[in-house]
Amino acid sequence: MRINFGAKPILYPQPVFILATYDEAGVPNAMNAAWGGLSEENEITMCIDSGHKTAKNLMARGAFTVSMADADHMVQCDYVGIVSGNKVPDKLEKAGFHTVKSMFVDAPVIEELPMTVECRVKSYDPETCRLVGEIVNVCAEEAVLTNGRIDPKKLRPITFDPMNHTYVALGEIVGYAFKDGTKLK
């Protein structure tokens, strides 16, 4: 028997994205966001409320980065989601995060988070909170690569469980895409 929960924002997995931007003075800021994903081959879409400092920053600078929150930095990633950059301008420093400027867009890369997607703003609608970014580059630390590819077991990305308000680490391989289903042909 299925149990109905009504219309709620519940999907599995929900990636935990850490969006980073510079403000008009060049001060880095970041926030935790879970409502988003790929919408085209080189496009990422997410819901960012217009009241967030990050929303103001990305419109002012036309760029942002998206780092994958990981199990090793779960506390820091949760913190940047709890605390507003409008009230705590040095929240990245308080989280223990350090940044360097992206080589591809006018936005910071968080050094402690090993995978980052660098984006230009394609569009942002403050009414719907819909942000669309053009993916310009993806970078990852060598420590999370195996045979030159990002290895989820090493990256240990976390997802948000909206039903239980928990973070869950990913990494276990259960099958092979575009291969295992051919057994049913």
Protein backbone atom coordinates (compact mmCIF):
# COMPACT_ATOMS: atom_id res chain seq x y z
CA MET A 1 0.00 0.00 0.00
CA ARG A 2 1.31 3.46 -0.91
CA ILE A 3 1.10 6.40 1.49
CA ASN A 4 0.31 9.84 0.02
CA PHE A 5 2.30 12.84 1.23
CA GLY A 6 0.71 15.51 -0.93
CA ALA A 7 2.44 18.00 -3.18
CA LYS A 8 5.89 18.41 -1.61
CA PRO A 9 9.40 19.05 -2.98
CA ILE A 10 10.54 15.48 -2.43
CA LEU A 11 12.78 13.70 -4.94
CA TYR A 12 15.71 11.36 -4.48
CA PRO A 13 18.53 12.13 -4.76
CA GLN A 14 18.60 15.90 -4.28
CA PRO A 15 22.17 17.07 -4.79
CA VAL A 16 23.53 19.50 -2.23
CA PHE A 17 24.95 22.38 -4.25
CA ILE A 18 27.12 25.09 -2.77
CA LEU A 19 26.71 28.20 -4.93
CA ALA A 20 29.52 30.72 -4.67
CA THR A 21 29.57 34.30 -5.93
CA TYR A 22 31.41 37.57 -5.49
CA ASP A 23 29.57 40.68 -4.39
CA GLU A 24 30.11 44.05 -6.05
CA ALA A 25 33.18 44.65 -3.84
CA GLY A 26 34.70 41.25 -4.67
CA VAL A 27 33.86 39.61 -1.34
CA PRO A 28 33.09 35.88 -1.77
CA ASN A 29 29.83 34.41 -0.51
CA ALA A 30 28.26 30.96 -0.71
CA MET A 31 24.95 29.29 0.00
CA ASN A 32 23.60 25.76 0.20
CA ALA A 33 20.94 24.86 -2.40
CA ALA A 34 19.23 21.54 -3.07
CA TRP A 35 16.59 22.37 -5.67
CA GLY A 36 18.36 22.06 -8.97
CA GLY A 37 19.95 19.94 -11.62
CA LEU A 38 21.05 19.73 -15.23
CA SER A 39 18.54 21.06 -17.74
CA GLU A 40 20.60 20.84 -20.95
CA GLU A 41 23.97 19.43 -21.95
CA ASN A 42 25.76 22.61 -20.86
CA GLU A 43 23.12 24.11 -18.58
CA ILE A 44 22.25 23.96 -14.90
CA THR A 45 18.95 25.20 -13.45
CA MET A 46 18.03 25.80 -9.84
CA CYS A 47 15.64 27.63 -7.59
CA ILE A 48 17.26 30.54 -5.71
CA ASP A 49 15.06 32.96 -3.78
CA SER A 50 15.69 36.57 -4.77
CA GLY A 51 16.24 37.55 -1.12
CA HIS A 52 19.48 35.60 -0.95
CA LYS A 53 22.75 37.53 -1.07
CA THR A 54 23.87 34.97 -3.66
CA ALA A 55 21.00 35.94 -6.00
CA LYS A 56 21.96 39.62 -5.78
CA ASN A 57 25.63 38.77 -6.34
CA LEU A 58 25.15 36.53 -9.35
CA MET A 59 23.04 39.17 -11.06
CA ALA A 60 25.63 41.85 -10.33
CA ARG A 61 28.58 39.73 -11.54
CA GLY A 62 26.89 37.49 -14.15
CA ALA A 63 28.57 34.34 -12.86
CA PHE A 64 28.58 31.73 -10.13
CA THR A 65 30.18 28.42 -9.25
CA VAL A 66 28.47 25.28 -8.01
CA SER A 67 30.49 22.94 -5.82
CA MET A 68 29.28 19.52 -4.82
CA ALA A 69 28.91 19.32 -1.06
CA ASP A 70 30.78 16.31 0.22
CA ALA A 71 30.71 14.14 3.34
CA ASP A 72 34.06 15.50 4.55
CA HIS A 73 32.67 19.06 4.65
CA MET A 74 29.03 18.38 5.54
CA VAL A 75 29.08 20.62 8.65
CA GLN A 76 30.56 23.58 6.76
CA CYS A 77 28.17 23.05 3.83
CA ASP A 78 25.19 22.97 6.18
CA TYR A 79 26.45 26.11 7.93
CA VAL A 80 26.55 28.18 4.71
CA GLY A 81 22.92 27.19 4.20
CA ILE A 82 21.83 28.14 7.70
CA VAL A 83 23.54 31.55 7.89
CA SER A 84 22.60 34.40 5.54
CA GLY A 85 25.30 36.35 3.72
CA ASN A 86 23.02 39.37 4.20
CA LYS A 87 23.65 39.13 7.96
CA VAL A 88 27.04 37.38 8.19
CA PRO A 89 29.27 38.75 5.41
CA ASP A 90 32.27 36.61 6.46
CA LYS A 91 30.38 33.32 6.67
CA LEU A 92 32.83 31.56 4.31
CA GLU A 93 35.68 32.45 6.63
CA LYS A 94 33.66 31.30 9.65
CA ALA A 95 32.98 28.02 7.85
CA GLY A 96 36.71 27.56 7.31
CA PHE A 97 36.38 27.80 3.54
CA HIS A 98 38.99 29.48 1.34
CA THR A 99 38.44 30.63 -2.23
CA VAL A 100 40.39 31.33 -5.39
CA LYS A 101 39.06 33.11 -8.46
CA SER A 102 37.77 30.85 -11.21
CA MET A 103 39.91 30.87 -14.35
CA PHE A 104 36.74 30.82 -16.47
CA VAL A 105 34.06 33.00 -14.80
CA ASP A 106 33.87 35.94 -12.40
CA ALA A 107 33.14 33.80 -9.34
CA PRO A 108 35.04 32.07 -6.55
CA VAL A 109 36.02 28.41 -6.37
CA ILE A 110 35.93 26.96 -2.86
CA GLU A 111 39.26 25.22 -2.37
CA GLU A 112 38.07 22.68 0.21
CA LEU A 113 35.26 21.30 -2.01
CA PRO A 114 36.93 19.04 -4.60
CA MET A 115 34.48 19.41 -7.52
CA THR A 116 33.19 22.64 -9.01
CA VAL A 117 30.99 23.60 -11.97
CA GLU A 118 31.80 27.10 -13.25
CA CYS A 119 28.85 28.96 -14.76
CA ARG A 120 27.76 32.16 -16.48
CA VAL A 121 24.27 33.44 -15.73
CA LYS A 122 21.99 32.79 -18.71
CA SER A 123 18.86 34.01 -16.97
CA TYR A 124 17.35 34.65 -13.58
CA ASP A 125 13.69 35.33 -12.86
CA PRO A 126 13.15 36.78 -9.38
CA GLU A 127 9.40 36.07 -9.63
CA THR A 128 9.86 32.30 -10.11
CA CYS A 129 13.32 32.16 -8.46
CA ARG A 130 14.56 30.21 -11.50
CA LEU A 131 18.27 30.54 -12.20
CA VAL A 132 19.71 29.14 -15.41
CA GLY A 133 23.46 28.96 -15.81
CA GLU A 134 25.65 28.08 -18.76
CA ILE A 135 28.25 25.52 -17.74
CA VAL A 136 31.62 26.89 -18.86
CA ASN A 137 33.92 24.43 -17.09
CA VAL A 138 33.95 21.56 -14.61
CA CYS A 139 37.02 21.07 -12.46
CA ALA A 140 37.98 18.51 -9.83
CA GLU A 141 40.93 17.85 -7.57
CA GLU A 142 43.15 14.96 -8.65
CA ALA A 143 42.49 13.31 -5.27
CA VAL A 144 38.90 12.49 -6.34
CA LEU A 145 39.85 11.06 -9.74
CA THR A 146 40.35 7.47 -10.79
CA ASN A 147 41.78 6.90 -14.28
CA GLY A 148 41.25 10.59 -15.06
CA ARG A 149 37.53 10.55 -14.18
CA ILE A 150 35.64 11.82 -11.16
CA ASP A 151 35.14 8.89 -8.79
CA PRO A 152 32.00 9.20 -6.61
CA LYS A 153 33.57 6.90 -3.99
CA LYS A 154 36.41 9.39 -3.57
CA LEU A 155 34.29 12.53 -4.00
CA ARG A 156 31.65 11.31 -1.52
CA PRO A 157 28.97 13.81 -2.61
CA ILE A 158 26.04 14.22 -0.29
CA THR A 159 22.37 14.49 -1.10
CA PHE A 160 19.60 16.11 0.88
CA ASP A 161 16.84 13.88 2.20
CA PRO A 162 13.90 16.33 2.39
CA MET A 163 11.61 13.89 4.16
CA ASN A 164 13.95 13.27 7.10
CA HIS A 165 16.05 16.47 6.98
CA THR A 166 19.30 14.52 6.71
CA TYR A 167 22.28 14.37 4.38
CA VAL A 168 23.17 11.04 2.76
CA ALA A 169 26.55 10.21 1.21
CA LEU A 170 26.64 8.63 -2.25
CA GLY A 171 29.21 6.28 -3.63
CA GLU A 172 28.10 2.65 -3.93
CA ILE A 173 28.01 1.29 -7.49
CA VAL A 174 24.93 -0.87 -8.05
CA GLY A 175 25.10 -1.23 -11.82
CA TYR A 176 26.40 0.10 -15.12
CA ALA A 177 24.44 2.62 -17.19
CA PHE A 178 23.71 1.84 -20.83
CA LYS A 179 24.89 -1.73 -20.26
CA ASP A 180 23.01 -3.66 -17.58
CA GLY A 181 19.61 -3.01 -19.15
CA THR A 182 20.73 -4.71 -22.36
CA LYS A 183 20.25 -8.03 -20.52
CA LEU A 184 16.51 -7.56 -21.06
CA LYS A 185 16.76 -7.07 -24.84
